[in-house]
Amino acid sequence: MTDVATARSLLAGLRDEPHEVAEALYLDPKWRLCGRRRFTGSRGAVAVPIRALIESGFAADARYVILAHNHPSGDPEPSTDDLAFTRRLAETLRTIDMPLADHLIVTRDAITSLRERGLL
């Protein structure tokens, strides 16, 4: 999985969720999917415990992580909280040599890549 289009297809199911859901995709050194984990939230937010995300990454023997979450509101723009969390997560993952490859925001009509926007 070397492109956002492939990740988008794997995460398309998030667009129809009525509440916020996050999903981590774990990739091996050759960018192949080796695991995934879902985190369920409320109508307006989802908390992703960084420790749990990392534990699942180690269990999958992941080399890279792609994080995605939906915006049931339909707004594909990252919130201030989304950006702050992404920066914190990217820095934490970088220190353990399991980089954050992308953070995607999924809506019914669009998927926003923070990497493509230069925010990672």
C-alpha atoms as a PDB file:
ATOM      1  CA  MET A   1       0.000   0.000   0.000  1.00  0.00           C
ATOM      2  CA  THR A   2       2.047   2.900  -1.236  1.00  0.00           C
ATOM      3  CA  ASP A   3      -0.635   5.380  -2.075  1.00  0.00           C
ATOM      4  CA  VAL A   4      -3.475   7.255  -0.472  1.00  0.00           C
ATOM      5  CA  ALA A   5      -5.980   5.749  -2.938  1.00  0.00           C
ATOM      6  CA  THR A   6      -5.408   2.263  -1.538  1.00  0.00           C
ATOM      7  CA  ALA A   7      -5.771   3.510   2.036  1.00  0.00           C
ATOM      8  CA  ARG A   8      -8.925   5.351   1.023  1.00  0.00           C
ATOM      9  CA  SER A   9     -10.481   2.157  -0.306  1.00  0.00           C
ATOM     10  CA  LEU A  10      -9.644   0.277   2.898  1.00  0.00           C
ATOM     11  CA  LEU A  11     -11.221   3.036   4.998  1.00  0.00           C
ATOM     12  CA  ALA A  12     -14.299   3.805   2.883  1.00  0.00           C
ATOM     13  CA  GLY A  13     -16.568   2.172   5.478  1.00  0.00           C
ATOM     14  CA  LEU A  14     -15.867   5.027   7.887  1.00  0.00           C
ATOM     15  CA  ARG A  15     -17.868   7.457   5.762  1.00  0.00           C
ATOM     16  CA  ASP A  16     -21.234   5.962   6.722  1.00  0.00           C
ATOM     17  CA  GLU A  17     -20.654   5.792  10.474  1.00  0.00           C
ATOM     18  CA  PRO A  18     -23.152   7.962  12.450  1.00  0.00           C
ATOM     19  CA  HIS A  19     -20.560   8.734  15.164  1.00  0.00           C
ATOM     20  CA  GLU A  20     -16.846   9.457  15.051  1.00  0.00           C
ATOM     21  CA  VAL A  21     -14.683   6.407  14.543  1.00  0.00           C
ATOM     22  CA  ALA A  22     -10.930   6.194  14.085  1.00  0.00           C
ATOM     23  CA  GLU A  23      -9.031   3.368  12.523  1.00  0.00           C
ATOM     24  CA  ALA A  24      -5.307   2.688  12.504  1.00  0.00           C
ATOM     25  CA  LEU A  25      -3.826   0.735   9.618  1.00  0.00           C
ATOM     26  CA  TYR A  26      -0.501  -0.912  10.382  1.00  0.00           C
ATOM     27  CA  LEU A  27       1.934  -1.487   7.519  1.00  0.00           C
ATOM     28  CA  ASP A  28       5.007  -3.675   7.274  1.00  0.00           C
ATOM     29  CA  PRO A  29       8.343  -2.462   5.825  1.00  0.00           C
ATOM     30  CA  LYS A  30       7.061  -3.176   2.286  1.00  0.00           C
ATOM     31  CA  TRP A  31       3.921  -1.067   2.910  1.00  0.00           C
ATOM     32  CA  ARG A  32       1.644  -4.121   3.106  1.00  0.00           C
ATOM     33  CA  LEU A  33      -1.233  -4.175   5.562  1.00  0.00           C
ATOM     34  CA  CYS A  34      -0.260  -6.227   8.610  1.00  0.00           C
ATOM     35  CA  GLY A  35      -2.946  -5.131  11.083  1.00  0.00           C
ATOM     36  CA  ARG A  36      -5.655  -2.644  11.938  1.00  0.00           C
ATOM     37  CA  ARG A  37      -7.444  -1.350  15.006  1.00  0.00           C
ATOM     38  CA  ARG A  38     -10.689   0.586  15.378  1.00  0.00           C
ATOM     39  CA  PHE A  39     -11.486   3.169  18.064  1.00  0.00           C
ATOM     40  CA  THR A  40     -15.133   4.192  18.566  1.00  0.00           C
ATOM     41  CA  GLY A  41     -16.165   7.601  19.825  1.00  0.00           C
ATOM     42  CA  SER A  42     -19.266   9.762  20.158  1.00  0.00           C
ATOM     43  CA  ARG A  43     -21.219  11.908  17.708  1.00  0.00           C
ATOM     44  CA  GLY A  44     -18.655  14.706  17.871  1.00  0.00           C
ATOM     45  CA  ALA A  45     -15.331  13.194  18.918  1.00  0.00           C
ATOM     46  CA  VAL A  46     -13.207  10.085  19.156  1.00  0.00           C
ATOM     47  CA  ALA A  47     -10.326   9.639  21.568  1.00  0.00           C
ATOM     48  CA  VAL A  48      -7.423   7.582  20.290  1.00  0.00           C
ATOM     49  CA  PRO A  49      -5.202   6.478  23.154  1.00  0.00           C
ATOM     50  CA  ILE A  50      -1.660   6.733  21.794  1.00  0.00           C
ATOM     51  CA  ARG A  51      -0.493   3.936  24.078  1.00  0.00           C
ATOM     52  CA  ALA A  52      -3.146   1.537  22.721  1.00  0.00           C
ATOM     53  CA  LEU A  53      -2.359   2.536  19.141  1.00  0.00           C
ATOM     54  CA  ILE A  54       1.342   1.838  19.714  1.00  0.00           C
ATOM     55  CA  GLU A  55       0.696  -1.470  21.490  1.00  0.00           C
ATOM     56  CA  SER A  56      -1.334  -2.666  18.506  1.00  0.00           C
ATOM     57  CA  GLY A  57       1.432  -1.507  16.180  1.00  0.00           C
ATOM     58  CA  PHE A  58       4.017  -3.531  18.075  1.00  0.00           C
ATOM     59  CA  ALA A  59       1.703  -6.567  18.148  1.00  0.00           C
ATOM     60  CA  ALA A  60       1.366  -6.319  14.344  1.00  0.00           C
ATOM     61  CA  ASP A  61       5.130  -5.793  13.957  1.00  0.00           C
ATOM     62  CA  ALA A  62       4.299  -2.612  12.042  1.00  0.00           C
ATOM     63  CA  ARG A  63       6.812  -0.292  10.451  1.00  0.00           C
ATOM     64  CA  TYR A  64       4.342   2.482   9.493  1.00  0.00           C
ATOM     65  CA  VAL A  65       0.932   3.704  10.661  1.00  0.00           C
ATOM     66  CA  ILE A  66      -1.901   5.351   8.771  1.00  0.00           C
ATOM     67  CA  LEU A  67      -4.568   6.861  10.998  1.00  0.00           C
ATOM     68  CA  ALA A  68      -8.002   7.799   9.729  1.00  0.00           C
ATOM     69  CA  HIS A  69     -11.133   9.119  11.351  1.00  0.00           C
ATOM     70  CA  ASN A  70     -14.470  10.240  10.061  1.00  0.00           C
ATOM     71  CA  HIS A  71     -16.350  13.512  10.391  1.00  0.00           C
ATOM     72  CA  PRO A  72     -20.067  12.611  10.421  1.00  0.00           C
ATOM     73  CA  SER A  73     -20.785  16.342  10.028  1.00  0.00           C
ATOM     74  CA  GLY A  74     -19.529  16.096   6.444  1.00  0.00           C
ATOM     75  CA  ASP A  75     -16.814  18.723   6.913  1.00  0.00           C
ATOM     76  CA  PRO A  76     -13.549  17.281   5.506  1.00  0.00           C
ATOM     77  CA  GLU A  77     -11.381  19.993   7.080  1.00  0.00           C
ATOM     78  CA  PRO A  78      -9.157  19.029  10.021  1.00  0.00           C
ATOM     79  CA  SER A  79     -10.084  20.712  13.294  1.00  0.00           C
ATOM     80  CA  THR A  80      -7.568  22.436  15.541  1.00  0.00           C
ATOM     81  CA  ASP A  81      -7.762  19.390  17.836  1.00  0.00           C
ATOM     82  CA  ASP A  82      -7.164  17.052  14.853  1.00  0.00           C
ATOM     83  CA  LEU A  83      -4.024  18.957  13.911  1.00  0.00           C
ATOM     84  CA  ALA A  84      -2.684  19.100  17.469  1.00  0.00           C
ATOM     85  CA  PHE A  85      -3.278  15.375  18.002  1.00  0.00           C
ATOM     86  CA  THR A  86      -1.691  14.523  14.651  1.00  0.00           C
ATOM     87  CA  ARG A  87       1.462  16.482  15.493  1.00  0.00           C
ATOM     88  CA  ARG A  88       1.702  14.824  18.921  1.00  0.00           C
ATOM     89  CA  LEU A  89       1.090  11.346  17.476  1.00  0.00           C
ATOM     90  CA  ALA A  90       3.565  11.840  14.617  1.00  0.00           C
ATOM     91  CA  GLU A  91       6.297  12.943  17.023  1.00  0.00           C
ATOM     92  CA  THR A  92       5.643  10.032  19.391  1.00  0.00           C
ATOM     93  CA  LEU A  93       5.643   7.470  16.567  1.00  0.00           C
ATOM     94  CA  ARG A  94       8.803   8.967  15.088  1.00  0.00           C
ATOM     95  CA  THR A  95      10.655   8.406  18.385  1.00  0.00           C
ATOM     96  CA  ILE A  96       9.860   4.682  18.291  1.00  0.00           C
ATOM     97  CA  ASP A  97      10.722   4.335  14.580  1.00  0.00           C
ATOM     98  CA  MET A  98       7.128   3.624  13.492  1.00  0.00           C
ATOM     99  CA  PRO A  99       6.340   6.791  11.500  1.00  0.00           C
ATOM    100  CA  LEU A 100       2.864   8.133  10.871  1.00  0.00           C
ATOM    101  CA  ALA A 101       2.525   7.771   7.087  1.00  0.00           C
ATOM    102  CA  ASP A 102      -0.707   9.766   6.918  1.00  0.00           C
ATOM    103  CA  HIS A 103      -3.789  10.921   8.787  1.00  0.00           C
ATOM    104  CA  LEU A 104      -6.964  10.844   6.718  1.00  0.00           C
ATOM    105  CA  ILE A 105     -10.263  12.550   7.451  1.00  0.00           C
ATOM    106  CA  VAL A 106     -13.166  10.668   5.900  1.00  0.00           C
ATOM    107  CA  THR A 107     -16.582  12.118   5.076  1.00  0.00           C
ATOM    108  CA  ARG A 108     -19.400  10.869   2.889  1.00  0.00           C
ATOM    109  CA  ASP A 109     -18.146  12.945  -0.070  1.00  0.00           C
ATOM    110  CA  ALA A 110     -14.421  13.449   0.487  1.00  0.00           C
ATOM    111  CA  ILE A 111     -11.240  12.161   2.075  1.00  0.00           C
ATOM    112  CA  THR A 112      -8.625  14.671   3.206  1.00  0.00           C
ATOM    113  CA  SER A 113      -4.982  13.586   3.500  1.00  0.00           C
ATOM    114  CA  LEU A 114      -2.992  15.612   6.009  1.00  0.00           C
ATOM    115  CA  ARG A 115       0.212  14.366   4.314  1.00  0.00           C
ATOM    116  CA  GLU A 116      -0.967  15.674   0.920  1.00  0.00           C
ATOM    117  CA  ARG A 117      -1.746  19.015   2.552  1.00  0.00           C
ATOM    118  CA  GLY A 118       1.780  19.220   3.973  1.00  0.00           C
ATOM    119  CA  LEU A 119       0.540  18.996   7.575  1.00  0.00           C
ATOM    120  CA  LEU A 120       2.680  15.976   8.513  1.00  0.00           C
END
